[in-house]
Amino acid sequence: MDNNPGALYTALAKAQAEMSNVIKDSANPHFRSKFASLAAVRDVVIPALSAQGISIVQMPGNTEDGRVSIRTMLLHESGTLDCGTVATTVTVRGGNEAQALGSALTYLRRYALSAIAGVAQEDDDGNASGPSGRSQQRQRPRVPEYSAQHVKNALTHMFGDLSEEEHRAEAEGMVRETTGFSIEDMLQSRTAREAVISALRENARRGR
């Protein structure tokens, strides 16, 4: 890592707050199981990273013992983060070495990207990863997504016109106490918006 790691860490934290777990969209007919494809992982992770100015590079290679590998790096205007290398042995079935190599690289890219982003997925097609080859993980229920405008309206309803300094200061204090963010930063984070809505409902229930 170089330059200003704090800025990249902050950007990554904001990106992760916008990510949900990955929906299992593909099937492994050999093991009669489902898993999340690389495309599904990218659909969750890449937009959130890009929104915070983070790009990702995954470079294929080989280890000294001949295994295929993927090295992943995050790039940001403040610096770079080397996320390390993962490797696996290529198993060739039916003599199609190119297909086996492509499958191994896709597998590594998918799991490296998921791990770095902190999103969950089932390991159903990673049959050597556990004793039974089947993960018992289940996706957590989705919660309603509140838009920035929805949260602004809720704050205005509770505190009054936010363009007025006194009302704005009161709302700002509540938001910072709840999320640790300013109002502007809170509006960029889905998780923070949800926390504010929850806190506003609790305040309303208690009569503020």
N, C-alpha and C. Protein backbone atom coordinates (compact mmCIF):
# COMPACT_ATOMS: atom_id res chain seq x y z
N MET A 1 0.84 -1.19 0.00
CA MET A 1 0.00 0.00 0.00
C MET A 1 0.88 1.24 0.00
N ASP A 2 0.44 2.27 -0.74
CA ASP A 2 1.24 3.48 -0.71
C ASP A 2 0.34 4.69 -0.61
N ASN A 3 0.94 5.87 -0.56
CA ASN A 3 0.24 7.14 -0.50
C ASN A 3 -0.62 7.26 0.75
N ASN A 4 -1.96 7.33 0.59
CA ASN A 4 -2.86 7.62 1.71
C ASN A 4 -3.80 6.45 1.94
N PRO A 5 -3.40 5.46 2.74
CA PRO A 5 -4.25 4.27 2.91
C PRO A 5 -5.59 4.59 3.54
N GLY A 6 -5.64 5.61 4.41
CA GLY A 6 -6.90 5.95 5.08
C GLY A 6 -8.02 6.29 4.11
N ALA A 7 -7.68 7.01 3.05
CA ALA A 7 -8.71 7.40 2.08
C ALA A 7 -9.27 6.18 1.35
N LEU A 8 -8.39 5.22 1.03
CA LEU A 8 -8.86 4.00 0.36
C LEU A 8 -9.69 3.15 1.31
N TYR A 9 -9.25 3.05 2.57
CA TYR A 9 -10.01 2.27 3.54
C TYR A 9 -11.42 2.86 3.72
N THR A 10 -11.49 4.19 3.78
CA THR A 10 -12.79 4.84 3.94
C THR A 10 -13.68 4.59 2.73
N ALA A 11 -13.09 4.72 1.54
CA ALA A 11 -13.86 4.49 0.31
C ALA A 11 -14.34 3.04 0.24
N LEU A 12 -13.49 2.10 0.65
CA LEU A 12 -13.87 0.69 0.62
C LEU A 12 -14.99 0.41 1.62
N ALA A 13 -14.91 1.03 2.80
CA ALA A 13 -15.97 0.84 3.80
C ALA A 13 -17.31 1.34 3.29
N LYS A 14 -17.29 2.49 2.62
CA LYS A 14 -18.54 3.02 2.07
C LYS A 14 -19.08 2.12 0.97
N ALA A 15 -18.18 1.59 0.15
CA ALA A 15 -18.62 0.68 -0.92
C ALA A 15 -19.24 -0.58 -0.34
N GLN A 16 -18.60 -1.15 0.69
CA GLN A 16 -19.12 -2.37 1.30
C GLN A 16 -20.48 -2.15 1.93
N ALA A 17 -20.71 -0.94 2.44
CA ALA A 17 -22.00 -0.64 3.05
C ALA A 17 -23.14 -0.68 2.03
N GLU A 18 -22.79 -0.54 0.76
CA GLU A 18 -23.81 -0.55 -0.30
C GLU A 18 -24.02 -1.94 -0.90
N MET A 19 -23.21 -2.91 -0.51
CA MET A 19 -23.29 -4.25 -1.11
C MET A 19 -24.25 -5.15 -0.35
N SER A 20 -24.95 -5.98 -1.09
CA SER A 20 -25.76 -7.04 -0.48
C SER A 20 -25.07 -8.37 -0.73
N ASN A 21 -25.56 -9.43 -0.10
CA ASN A 21 -25.02 -10.76 -0.40
C ASN A 21 -25.41 -11.17 -1.81
N VAL A 22 -24.69 -12.14 -2.35
CA VAL A 22 -24.83 -12.49 -3.76
C VAL A 22 -25.87 -13.60 -3.94
N ILE A 23 -26.77 -13.39 -4.88
CA ILE A 23 -27.81 -14.38 -5.16
C ILE A 23 -27.21 -15.53 -5.97
N LYS A 24 -27.53 -16.73 -5.58
CA LYS A 24 -27.06 -17.92 -6.30
C LYS A 24 -27.84 -18.03 -7.62
N ASP A 25 -27.14 -17.84 -8.72
CA ASP A 25 -27.83 -17.76 -10.02
C ASP A 25 -27.44 -18.86 -10.98
N SER A 26 -26.54 -19.76 -10.57
CA SER A 26 -26.04 -20.80 -11.47
C SER A 26 -26.15 -22.16 -10.82
N ALA A 27 -26.16 -23.19 -11.68
CA ALA A 27 -26.30 -24.56 -11.18
C ALA A 27 -25.10 -25.40 -11.56
N ASN A 28 -24.70 -26.29 -10.66
CA ASN A 28 -23.68 -27.29 -10.93
C ASN A 28 -24.39 -28.63 -11.07
N PRO A 29 -24.70 -29.06 -12.31
CA PRO A 29 -25.49 -30.28 -12.50
C PRO A 29 -24.80 -31.52 -11.96
N HIS A 30 -23.46 -31.51 -11.94
CA HIS A 30 -22.74 -32.70 -11.47
C HIS A 30 -23.02 -32.98 -10.00
N PHE A 31 -23.10 -31.89 -9.21
CA PHE A 31 -23.36 -32.03 -7.77
C PHE A 31 -24.79 -31.63 -7.40
N ARG A 32 -25.61 -31.30 -8.42
CA ARG A 32 -27.00 -30.91 -8.20
C ARG A 32 -27.09 -29.82 -7.13
N SER A 33 -26.31 -28.78 -7.32
CA SER A 33 -26.26 -27.68 -6.36
C SER A 33 -26.25 -26.35 -7.09
N LYS A 34 -26.45 -25.26 -6.34
CA LYS A 34 -26.46 -23.92 -6.92
C LYS A 34 -25.33 -23.10 -6.33
N PHE A 35 -24.86 -22.12 -7.11
CA PHE A 35 -23.80 -21.25 -6.64
C PHE A 35 -23.93 -19.89 -7.33
N ALA A 36 -23.21 -18.91 -6.81
CA ALA A 36 -23.20 -17.57 -7.39
C ALA A 36 -22.10 -17.49 -8.43
N SER A 37 -22.43 -17.10 -9.64
CA SER A 37 -21.45 -17.00 -10.71
C SER A 37 -20.57 -15.76 -10.53
N LEU A 38 -19.47 -15.73 -11.28
CA LEU A 38 -18.62 -14.54 -11.27
C LEU A 38 -19.40 -13.32 -11.70
N ALA A 39 -20.26 -13.46 -12.69
CA ALA A 39 -21.07 -12.32 -13.16
C ALA A 39 -21.97 -11.81 -12.04
N ALA A 40 -22.56 -12.72 -11.25
CA ALA A 40 -23.43 -12.30 -10.16
C ALA A 40 -22.65 -11.55 -9.08
N VAL A 41 -21.44 -12.04 -8.78
CA VAL A 41 -20.60 -11.36 -7.79
C VAL A 41 -20.22 -9.96 -8.29
N ARG A 42 -19.83 -9.88 -9.57
CA ARG A 42 -19.47 -8.57 -10.13
C ARG A 42 -20.65 -7.61 -10.13
N ASP A 43 -21.84 -8.10 -10.39
CA ASP A 43 -23.02 -7.23 -10.41
C ASP A 43 -23.27 -6.58 -9.05
N VAL A 44 -22.89 -7.27 -7.97
CA VAL A 44 -23.04 -6.72 -6.63
C VAL A 44 -21.87 -5.83 -6.25
N VAL A 45 -20.65 -6.27 -6.58
CA VAL A 45 -19.45 -5.63 -6.05
C VAL A 45 -18.95 -4.45 -6.88
N ILE A 46 -18.86 -4.62 -8.19
CA ILE A 46 -18.21 -3.60 -9.03
C ILE A 46 -18.92 -2.25 -9.00
N PRO A 47 -20.26 -2.18 -9.13
CA PRO A 47 -20.90 -0.85 -9.08
C PRO A 47 -20.63 -0.11 -7.77
N ALA A 48 -20.64 -0.83 -6.65
CA ALA A 48 -20.40 -0.19 -5.35
C ALA A 48 -18.96 0.31 -5.25
N LEU A 49 -18.00 -0.49 -5.73
CA LEU A 49 -16.61 -0.04 -5.72
C LEU A 49 -16.42 1.16 -6.64
N SER A 50 -16.98 1.08 -7.84
CA SER A 50 -16.81 2.16 -8.81
C SER A 50 -17.40 3.47 -8.31
N ALA A 51 -18.51 3.38 -7.59
CA ALA A 51 -19.15 4.59 -7.07
C ALA A 51 -18.25 5.33 -6.08
N GLN A 52 -17.31 4.61 -5.47
CA GLN A 52 -16.37 5.22 -4.53
C GLN A 52 -15.00 5.44 -5.15
N GLY A 53 -14.91 5.31 -6.47
CA GLY A 53 -13.64 5.56 -7.16
C GLY A 53 -12.63 4.45 -7.03
N ILE A 54 -13.09 3.24 -6.77
CA ILE A 54 -12.19 2.10 -6.62
C ILE A 54 -12.32 1.18 -7.83
N SER A 55 -11.21 0.84 -8.45
CA SER A 55 -11.20 -0.15 -9.52
C SER A 55 -10.47 -1.39 -9.03
N ILE A 56 -10.74 -2.51 -9.68
CA ILE A 56 -10.15 -3.77 -9.24
C ILE A 56 -9.44 -4.44 -10.42
N VAL A 57 -8.26 -4.98 -10.16
CA VAL A 57 -7.47 -5.69 -11.17
C VAL A 57 -7.19 -7.08 -10.66
N GLN A 58 -7.49 -8.10 -11.48
CA GLN A 58 -7.22 -9.49 -11.11
C GLN A 58 -6.33 -10.09 -12.19
N MET A 59 -5.09 -10.41 -11.80
CA MET A 59 -4.07 -10.84 -12.76
C MET A 59 -3.78 -12.32 -12.62
N PRO A 60 -3.93 -13.09 -13.71
CA PRO A 60 -3.63 -14.53 -13.65
C PRO A 60 -2.13 -14.78 -13.64
N GLY A 61 -1.75 -15.91 -13.07
CA GLY A 61 -0.33 -16.28 -13.04
C GLY A 61 -0.19 -17.73 -12.63
N ASN A 62 1.04 -18.11 -12.29
CA ASN A 62 1.33 -19.47 -11.83
C ASN A 62 2.23 -19.41 -10.61
N THR A 63 2.04 -20.32 -9.69
CA THR A 63 2.90 -20.43 -8.52
C THR A 63 4.12 -21.28 -8.88
N GLU A 64 5.09 -21.29 -7.99
CA GLU A 64 6.32 -22.05 -8.23
C GLU A 64 6.05 -23.55 -8.35
N ASP A 65 4.99 -24.01 -7.71
CA ASP A 65 4.69 -25.45 -7.78
C ASP A 65 3.73 -25.79 -8.92
N GLY A 66 3.48 -24.81 -9.82
CA GLY A 66 2.72 -25.08 -11.03
C GLY A 66 1.23 -24.87 -10.94
N ARG A 67 0.73 -24.37 -9.82
CA ARG A 67 -0.70 -24.12 -9.71
C ARG A 67 -1.05 -22.79 -10.38
N VAL A 68 -2.28 -22.68 -10.90
CA VAL A 68 -2.75 -21.44 -11.48
C VAL A 68 -3.18 -20.50 -10.35
N SER A 69 -2.93 -19.21 -10.55
CA SER A 69 -3.19 -18.26 -9.47
C SER A 69 -3.84 -16.98 -9.99
N ILE A 70 -4.44 -16.25 -9.06
CA ILE A 70 -5.01 -14.92 -9.32
C ILE A 70 -4.51 -13.97 -8.24
N ARG A 71 -3.92 -12.86 -8.66
CA ARG A 71 -3.52 -11.80 -7.73
C ARG A 71 -4.49 -10.64 -7.91
N THR A 72 -5.05 -10.16 -6.81
CA THR A 72 -6.06 -9.11 -6.87
C THR A 72 -5.54 -7.82 -6.24
N MET A 73 -5.78 -6.70 -6.91
CA MET A 73 -5.38 -5.39 -6.40
C MET A 73 -6.53 -4.40 -6.52
N LEU A 74 -6.64 -3.53 -5.53
CA LEU A 74 -7.59 -2.42 -5.58
C LEU A 74 -6.83 -1.14 -5.89
N LEU A 75 -7.36 -0.36 -6.81
CA LEU A 75 -6.73 0.89 -7.23
C LEU A 75 -7.65 2.07 -6.90
N HIS A 76 -7.06 3.12 -6.35
CA HIS A 76 -7.81 4.31 -5.93
C HIS A 76 -6.90 5.51 -6.14
N GLU A 77 -7.49 6.68 -6.26
CA GLU A 77 -6.66 7.87 -6.49
C GLU A 77 -5.69 8.12 -5.35
N SER A 78 -5.99 7.57 -4.16
CA SER A 78 -5.11 7.77 -3.01
C SER A 78 -4.01 6.73 -2.90
N GLY A 79 -4.10 5.65 -3.70
CA GLY A 79 -3.08 4.62 -3.63
C GLY A 79 -3.61 3.26 -4.09
N THR A 80 -2.85 2.22 -3.81
CA THR A 80 -3.23 0.86 -4.21
C THR A 80 -3.18 -0.07 -3.01
N LEU A 81 -3.94 -1.14 -3.09
CA LEU A 81 -3.95 -2.15 -2.04
C LEU A 81 -3.78 -3.51 -2.70
N ASP A 82 -2.67 -4.19 -2.37
CA ASP A 82 -2.43 -5.55 -2.85
C ASP A 82 -3.18 -6.50 -1.93
N CYS A 83 -4.20 -7.17 -2.47
CA CYS A 83 -5.06 -8.04 -1.66
C CYS A 83 -4.57 -9.48 -1.62
N GLY A 84 -3.42 -9.75 -2.22
CA GLY A 84 -2.85 -11.07 -2.13
C GLY A 84 -3.17 -11.97 -3.31
N THR A 85 -2.70 -13.20 -3.23
CA THR A 85 -2.83 -14.17 -4.31
C THR A 85 -3.49 -15.44 -3.81
N VAL A 86 -4.40 -15.99 -4.62
CA VAL A 86 -5.00 -17.29 -4.33
C VAL A 86 -4.64 -18.23 -5.48
N ALA A 87 -4.54 -19.52 -5.19
CA ALA A 87 -4.11 -20.47 -6.21
C ALA A 87 -4.85 -21.79 -6.06
N THR A 88 -4.92 -22.54 -7.15
CA THR A 88 -5.54 -23.86 -7.12
C THR A 88 -4.90 -24.73 -8.20
N THR A 89 -5.11 -26.01 -8.08
CA THR A 89 -4.62 -26.96 -9.08
C THR A 89 -5.65 -27.11 -10.18
N VAL A 90 -5.22 -27.09 -11.42
CA VAL A 90 -6.12 -27.26 -12.56
C VAL A 90 -6.34 -28.75 -12.79
N THR A 91 -7.62 -29.14 -12.78
CA THR A 91 -7.97 -30.53 -13.05
C THR A 91 -8.52 -30.63 -14.46
N VAL A 92 -7.84 -31.36 -15.32
CA VAL A 92 -8.25 -31.48 -16.72
C VAL A 92 -9.12 -32.72 -16.88
N ARG A 93 -10.35 -32.50 -17.38
CA ARG A 93 -11.26 -33.61 -17.65
C ARG A 93 -11.56 -33.65 -19.14
N GLY A 94 -11.45 -34.82 -19.74
CA GLY A 94 -11.79 -34.95 -21.16
C GLY A 94 -10.76 -34.35 -22.08
N GLY A 95 -9.58 -34.04 -21.59
CA GLY A 95 -8.51 -33.54 -22.44
C GLY A 95 -8.61 -32.08 -22.82
N ASN A 96 -9.60 -31.33 -22.28
CA ASN A 96 -9.76 -29.93 -22.64
C ASN A 96 -9.04 -29.06 -21.62
N GLU A 97 -7.75 -28.85 -21.85
CA GLU A 97 -6.93 -28.11 -20.89
C GLU A 97 -7.32 -26.64 -20.82
N ALA A 98 -7.63 -26.03 -21.97
CA ALA A 98 -7.99 -24.61 -22.00
C ALA A 98 -9.27 -24.35 -21.20
N GLN A 99 -10.24 -25.23 -21.35
CA GLN A 99 -11.48 -25.07 -20.60
C GLN A 99 -11.24 -25.24 -19.10
N ALA A 100 -10.39 -26.20 -18.74
CA ALA A 100 -10.08 -26.41 -17.33
C ALA A 100 -9.38 -25.19 -16.73
N LEU A 101 -8.46 -24.60 -17.51
CA LEU A 101 -7.75 -23.42 -17.05
C LEU A 101 -8.72 -22.25 -16.85
N GLY A 102 -9.62 -22.05 -17.84
CA GLY A 102 -10.59 -20.96 -17.73
C GLY A 102 -11.50 -21.14 -16.53
N SER A 103 -11.93 -22.38 -16.28
CA SER A 103 -12.80 -22.65 -15.15
C SER A 103 -12.10 -22.36 -13.82
N ALA A 104 -10.82 -22.76 -13.73
CA ALA A 104 -10.06 -22.52 -12.50
C ALA A 104 -9.86 -21.03 -12.25
N LEU A 105 -9.55 -20.28 -13.30
CA LEU A 105 -9.36 -18.84 -13.16
C LEU A 105 -10.65 -18.15 -12.73
N THR A 106 -11.76 -18.55 -13.34
CA THR A 106 -13.06 -17.97 -12.97
C THR A 106 -13.38 -18.26 -11.51
N TYR A 107 -13.12 -19.48 -11.10
CA TYR A 107 -13.35 -19.88 -9.71
C TYR A 107 -12.54 -19.00 -8.76
N LEU A 108 -11.27 -18.81 -9.05
CA LEU A 108 -10.41 -18.01 -8.18
C LEU A 108 -10.83 -16.54 -8.17
N ARG A 109 -11.17 -16.01 -9.35
CA ARG A 109 -11.61 -14.61 -9.41
C ARG A 109 -12.86 -14.40 -8.56
N ARG A 110 -13.78 -15.35 -8.68
CA ARG A 110 -15.06 -15.23 -7.96
C ARG A 110 -14.85 -15.23 -6.45
N TYR A 111 -14.06 -16.16 -5.95
CA TYR A 111 -13.87 -16.26 -4.51
C TYR A 111 -12.97 -15.15 -3.97
N ALA A 112 -11.98 -14.73 -4.73
CA ALA A 112 -11.14 -13.61 -4.28
C ALA A 112 -11.96 -12.33 -4.20
N LEU A 113 -12.77 -12.08 -5.22
CA LEU A 113 -13.58 -10.87 -5.24
C LEU A 113 -14.59 -10.87 -4.10
N SER A 114 -15.23 -11.99 -3.86
CA SER A 114 -16.20 -12.10 -2.77
C SER A 114 -15.53 -11.86 -1.41
N ALA A 115 -14.35 -12.46 -1.23
CA ALA A 115 -13.66 -12.32 0.05
C ALA A 115 -13.22 -10.89 0.30
N ILE A 116 -12.69 -10.24 -0.72
CA ILE A 116 -12.21 -8.87 -0.56
C ILE A 116 -13.37 -7.92 -0.28
N ALA A 117 -14.50 -8.14 -0.95
CA ALA A 117 -15.66 -7.27 -0.77
C ALA A 117 -16.42 -7.59 0.52
N GLY A 118 -16.23 -8.81 1.04
CA GLY A 118 -16.92 -9.20 2.26
C GLY A 118 -18.36 -9.63 2.03
N VAL A 119 -18.68 -10.07 0.79
CA VAL A 119 -20.04 -10.53 0.51
C VAL A 119 -20.09 -12.05 0.62
N ALA A 120 -21.24 -12.57 0.99
CA ALA A 120 -21.39 -14.01 1.22
C ALA A 120 -22.00 -14.70 0.01
N GLN A 121 -21.61 -15.94 -0.17
CA GLN A 121 -22.19 -16.78 -1.21
C GLN A 121 -22.03 -18.23 -0.78
N GLU A 122 -22.85 -19.13 -1.33
CA GLU A 122 -22.71 -20.53 -0.99
C GLU A 122 -21.50 -21.12 -1.71
N ASP A 123 -20.89 -22.10 -1.08
CA ASP A 123 -19.69 -22.75 -1.61
C ASP A 123 -20.05 -24.09 -2.25
N ASP A 124 -21.26 -24.18 -2.82
CA ASP A 124 -21.76 -25.46 -3.30
C ASP A 124 -20.89 -26.11 -4.36
N ASP A 125 -20.26 -25.29 -5.24
CA ASP A 125 -19.45 -25.91 -6.28
C ASP A 125 -17.99 -26.02 -5.88
N GLY A 126 -17.63 -25.57 -4.70
CA GLY A 126 -16.27 -25.76 -4.21
C GLY A 126 -16.25 -27.02 -3.37
N ASN A 127 -16.37 -28.18 -4.04
CA ASN A 127 -16.69 -29.40 -3.33
C ASN A 127 -15.56 -29.91 -2.44
N ALA A 128 -14.35 -29.36 -2.59
CA ALA A 128 -13.28 -29.77 -1.69
C ALA A 128 -13.14 -28.81 -0.52
N SER A 129 -14.04 -27.82 -0.42
CA SER A 129 -13.88 -26.78 0.59
C SER A 129 -14.42 -27.18 1.95
N GLY A 130 -15.24 -28.22 2.00
CA GLY A 130 -15.80 -28.63 3.28
C GLY A 130 -15.97 -30.13 3.29
N PRO A 131 -16.28 -30.71 4.45
CA PRO A 131 -16.39 -32.17 4.58
C PRO A 131 -17.44 -32.77 3.65
N SER A 132 -18.57 -32.11 3.49
CA SER A 132 -19.64 -32.68 2.68
C SER A 132 -19.74 -32.06 1.31
N GLY A 133 -18.96 -30.97 1.06
CA GLY A 133 -19.04 -30.29 -0.23
C GLY A 133 -20.28 -29.43 -0.36
N ARG A 134 -21.06 -29.26 0.73
CA ARG A 134 -22.26 -28.43 0.66
C ARG A 134 -22.26 -27.46 1.84
N SER A 135 -22.48 -26.22 1.53
CA SER A 135 -22.57 -25.20 2.57
C SER A 135 -24.01 -25.10 3.04
N GLN A 136 -24.17 -24.86 4.33
CA GLN A 136 -25.52 -24.71 4.88
C GLN A 136 -25.91 -23.25 4.99
N GLN A 137 -25.07 -22.36 4.45
CA GLN A 137 -25.35 -20.93 4.53
C GLN A 137 -26.62 -20.58 3.78
N ARG A 138 -27.39 -19.69 4.32
CA ARG A 138 -28.59 -19.21 3.68
C ARG A 138 -28.52 -17.69 3.56
N GLN A 139 -29.10 -17.16 2.54
CA GLN A 139 -29.06 -15.72 2.35
C GLN A 139 -29.95 -15.03 3.37
N ARG A 140 -29.46 -13.92 3.90
CA ARG A 140 -30.26 -13.20 4.86
C ARG A 140 -31.39 -12.47 4.14
N PRO A 141 -32.53 -12.28 4.81
CA PRO A 141 -33.65 -11.59 4.16
C PRO A 141 -33.26 -10.17 3.77
N ARG A 142 -33.77 -9.75 2.64
CA ARG A 142 -33.51 -8.38 2.20
C ARG A 142 -34.38 -7.41 3.00
N VAL A 143 -33.81 -6.24 3.30
CA VAL A 143 -34.57 -5.21 4.00
C VAL A 143 -34.94 -4.14 2.99
N PRO A 144 -35.99 -3.36 3.28
CA PRO A 144 -36.38 -2.31 2.33
C PRO A 144 -35.24 -1.34 2.09
N GLU A 145 -35.11 -0.87 0.86
CA GLU A 145 -34.07 0.10 0.53
C GLU A 145 -34.70 1.48 0.48
N TYR A 146 -34.18 2.40 1.30
CA TYR A 146 -34.70 3.76 1.37
C TYR A 146 -33.81 4.69 0.56
N SER A 147 -34.42 5.44 -0.32
CA SER A 147 -33.66 6.36 -1.16
C SER A 147 -33.19 7.55 -0.32
N ALA A 148 -32.22 8.28 -0.87
CA ALA A 148 -31.73 9.48 -0.19
C ALA A 148 -32.86 10.49 0.00
N GLN A 149 -33.72 10.62 -1.00
CA GLN A 149 -34.82 11.57 -0.90
C GLN A 149 -35.81 11.15 0.18
N HIS A 150 -36.05 9.85 0.28
CA HIS A 150 -36.95 9.35 1.32
C HIS A 150 -36.41 9.73 2.70
N VAL A 151 -35.11 9.56 2.91
CA VAL A 151 -34.53 9.87 4.21
C VAL A 151 -34.54 11.38 4.47
N LYS A 152 -34.25 12.16 3.44
CA LYS A 152 -34.33 13.63 3.58
C LYS A 152 -35.72 14.06 4.02
N ASN A 153 -36.74 13.48 3.38
CA ASN A 153 -38.12 13.82 3.71
C ASN A 153 -38.44 13.44 5.16
N ALA A 154 -37.93 12.28 5.58
CA ALA A 154 -38.18 11.83 6.95
C ALA A 154 -37.51 12.76 7.96
N LEU A 155 -36.29 13.20 7.67
CA LEU A 155 -35.60 14.14 8.56
C LEU A 155 -36.33 15.48 8.63
N THR A 156 -36.80 15.94 7.49
CA THR A 156 -37.55 17.20 7.46
C THR A 156 -38.84 17.08 8.27
N HIS A 157 -39.51 15.95 8.13
CA HIS A 157 -40.75 15.73 8.89
C HIS A 157 -40.48 15.76 10.39
N MET A 158 -39.35 15.20 10.81
CA MET A 158 -39.03 15.13 12.23
C MET A 158 -38.47 16.44 12.78
N PHE A 159 -37.57 17.10 12.03
CA PHE A 159 -36.85 18.24 12.57
C PHE A 159 -37.26 19.59 11.98
N GLY A 160 -37.94 19.57 10.86
CA GLY A 160 -38.30 20.82 10.19
C GLY A 160 -37.40 21.09 8.99
N ASP A 161 -37.55 22.25 8.38
CA ASP A 161 -36.82 22.62 7.18
C ASP A 161 -35.31 22.56 7.42
N LEU A 162 -34.64 21.68 6.71
CA LEU A 162 -33.20 21.49 6.94
C LEU A 162 -32.36 22.63 6.39
N SER A 163 -32.97 23.53 5.64
CA SER A 163 -32.22 24.70 5.18
C SER A 163 -32.06 25.74 6.29
N GLU A 164 -32.82 25.58 7.35
CA GLU A 164 -32.70 26.46 8.51
C GLU A 164 -31.64 25.90 9.46
N GLU A 165 -30.73 26.76 9.87
CA GLU A 165 -29.55 26.32 10.61
C GLU A 165 -29.88 25.54 11.87
N GLU A 166 -30.87 26.01 12.63
CA GLU A 166 -31.20 25.34 13.89
C GLU A 166 -31.72 23.92 13.64
N HIS A 167 -32.62 23.77 12.65
CA HIS A 167 -33.18 22.46 12.33
C HIS A 167 -32.09 21.54 11.77
N ARG A 168 -31.24 22.11 10.93
CA ARG A 168 -30.16 21.32 10.32
C ARG A 168 -29.22 20.78 11.39
N ALA A 169 -28.86 21.65 12.36
CA ALA A 169 -27.92 21.25 13.41
C ALA A 169 -28.51 20.12 14.25
N GLU A 170 -29.79 20.21 14.53
CA GLU A 170 -30.44 19.17 15.33
C GLU A 170 -30.45 17.84 14.57
N ALA A 171 -30.79 17.92 13.29
CA ALA A 171 -30.81 16.71 12.46
C ALA A 171 -29.40 16.14 12.30
N GLU A 172 -28.43 17.01 12.11
CA GLU A 172 -27.04 16.58 11.95
C GLU A 172 -26.56 15.84 13.19
N GLY A 173 -26.92 16.36 14.37
CA GLY A 173 -26.52 15.70 15.61
C GLY A 173 -27.10 14.31 15.74
N MET A 174 -28.36 14.18 15.36
CA MET A 174 -29.01 12.85 15.44
C MET A 174 -28.36 11.88 14.47
N VAL A 175 -28.08 12.33 13.24
CA VAL A 175 -27.48 11.47 12.23
C VAL A 175 -26.08 11.03 12.65
N ARG A 176 -25.29 11.95 13.16
CA ARG A 176 -23.93 11.60 13.59
C ARG A 176 -23.95 10.64 14.78
N GLU A 177 -24.87 10.85 15.69
CA GLU A 177 -24.98 9.96 16.85
C GLU A 177 -25.38 8.56 16.41
N THR A 178 -26.22 8.47 15.37
CA THR A 178 -26.73 7.18 14.92
C THR A 178 -25.75 6.43 14.03
N THR A 179 -25.08 7.16 13.12
CA THR A 179 -24.26 6.51 12.10
C THR A 179 -22.78 6.86 12.13
N GLY A 180 -22.43 7.98 12.76
CA GLY A 180 -21.05 8.45 12.72
C GLY A 180 -20.75 9.26 11.48
N PHE A 181 -21.76 9.43 10.59
CA PHE A 181 -21.58 10.17 9.35
C PHE A 181 -22.26 11.53 9.44
N SER A 182 -21.82 12.46 8.57
CA SER A 182 -22.57 13.68 8.34
C SER A 182 -23.82 13.32 7.55
N ILE A 183 -24.75 14.26 7.42
CA ILE A 183 -25.96 13.99 6.65
C ILE A 183 -25.60 13.64 5.21
N GLU A 184 -24.66 14.41 4.61
CA GLU A 184 -24.29 14.17 3.21
C GLU A 184 -23.71 12.78 3.02
N ASP A 185 -22.79 12.37 3.91
CA ASP A 185 -22.19 11.04 3.79
C ASP A 185 -23.20 9.94 4.08
N MET A 186 -24.07 10.17 5.05
CA MET A 186 -25.10 9.18 5.37
C MET A 186 -25.99 8.89 4.18
N LEU A 187 -26.32 9.93 3.42
CA LEU A 187 -27.22 9.75 2.28
C LEU A 187 -26.59 8.90 1.18
N GLN A 188 -25.26 8.74 1.19
CA GLN A 188 -24.57 7.94 0.18
C GLN A 188 -24.48 6.46 0.57
N SER A 189 -24.87 6.14 1.80
CA SER A 189 -24.73 4.77 2.30
C SER A 189 -26.09 4.15 2.58
N ARG A 190 -26.39 3.05 1.91
CA ARG A 190 -27.67 2.38 2.12
C ARG A 190 -27.82 1.94 3.57
N THR A 191 -26.77 1.35 4.15
CA THR A 191 -26.85 0.88 5.53
C THR A 191 -27.09 2.02 6.50
N ALA A 192 -26.41 3.15 6.27
CA ALA A 192 -26.59 4.31 7.15
C ALA A 192 -28.00 4.88 7.00
N ARG A 193 -28.52 4.92 5.77
CA ARG A 193 -29.89 5.41 5.58
C ARG A 193 -30.89 4.55 6.34
N GLU A 194 -30.69 3.23 6.28
CA GLU A 194 -31.58 2.32 6.99
C GLU A 194 -31.50 2.56 8.50
N ALA A 195 -30.29 2.81 9.02
CA ALA A 195 -30.12 3.05 10.44
C ALA A 195 -30.83 4.33 10.87
N VAL A 196 -30.76 5.36 10.03
CA VAL A 196 -31.42 6.63 10.35
C VAL A 196 -32.93 6.47 10.36
N ILE A 197 -33.47 5.76 9.37
CA ILE A 197 -34.92 5.54 9.33
C ILE A 197 -35.37 4.78 10.57
N SER A 198 -34.60 3.77 10.97
CA SER A 198 -34.93 3.00 12.16
C SER A 198 -34.92 3.89 13.40
N ALA A 199 -33.90 4.76 13.51
CA ALA A 199 -33.81 5.65 14.66
C ALA A 199 -34.95 6.67 14.67
N LEU A 200 -35.31 7.19 13.50
CA LEU A 200 -36.42 8.14 13.42
C LEU A 200 -37.73 7.49 13.86
N ARG A 201 -37.94 6.25 13.45
CA ARG A 201 -39.16 5.55 13.86
C ARG A 201 -39.20 5.34 15.37
N GLU A 202 -38.03 5.02 15.94
CA GLU A 202 -37.97 4.83 17.39
C GLU A 202 -38.23 6.14 18.11
N ASN A 203 -37.67 7.24 17.60
CA ASN A 203 -37.91 8.55 18.19
C ASN A 203 -39.38 8.92 18.13
N ALA A 204 -40.00 8.63 16.98
CA ALA A 204 -41.43 8.96 16.82
C ALA A 204 -42.27 8.12 17.79
N ARG A 205 -41.87 6.85 17.96
CA ARG A 205 -42.63 5.98 18.87
C ARG A 205 -42.55 6.49 20.32
N ARG A 206 -41.36 7.04 20.66
CA ARG A 206 -41.18 7.55 22.01
C ARG A 206 -41.67 8.99 22.19
N GLY A 207 -42.17 9.56 21.10
CA GLY A 207 -42.62 10.94 21.14
C GLY A 207 -41.50 11.94 21.11
N ARG A 208 -40.35 11.45 20.45
CA ARG A 208 -39.14 12.28 20.28
C ARG A 208 -38.63 12.75 21.61
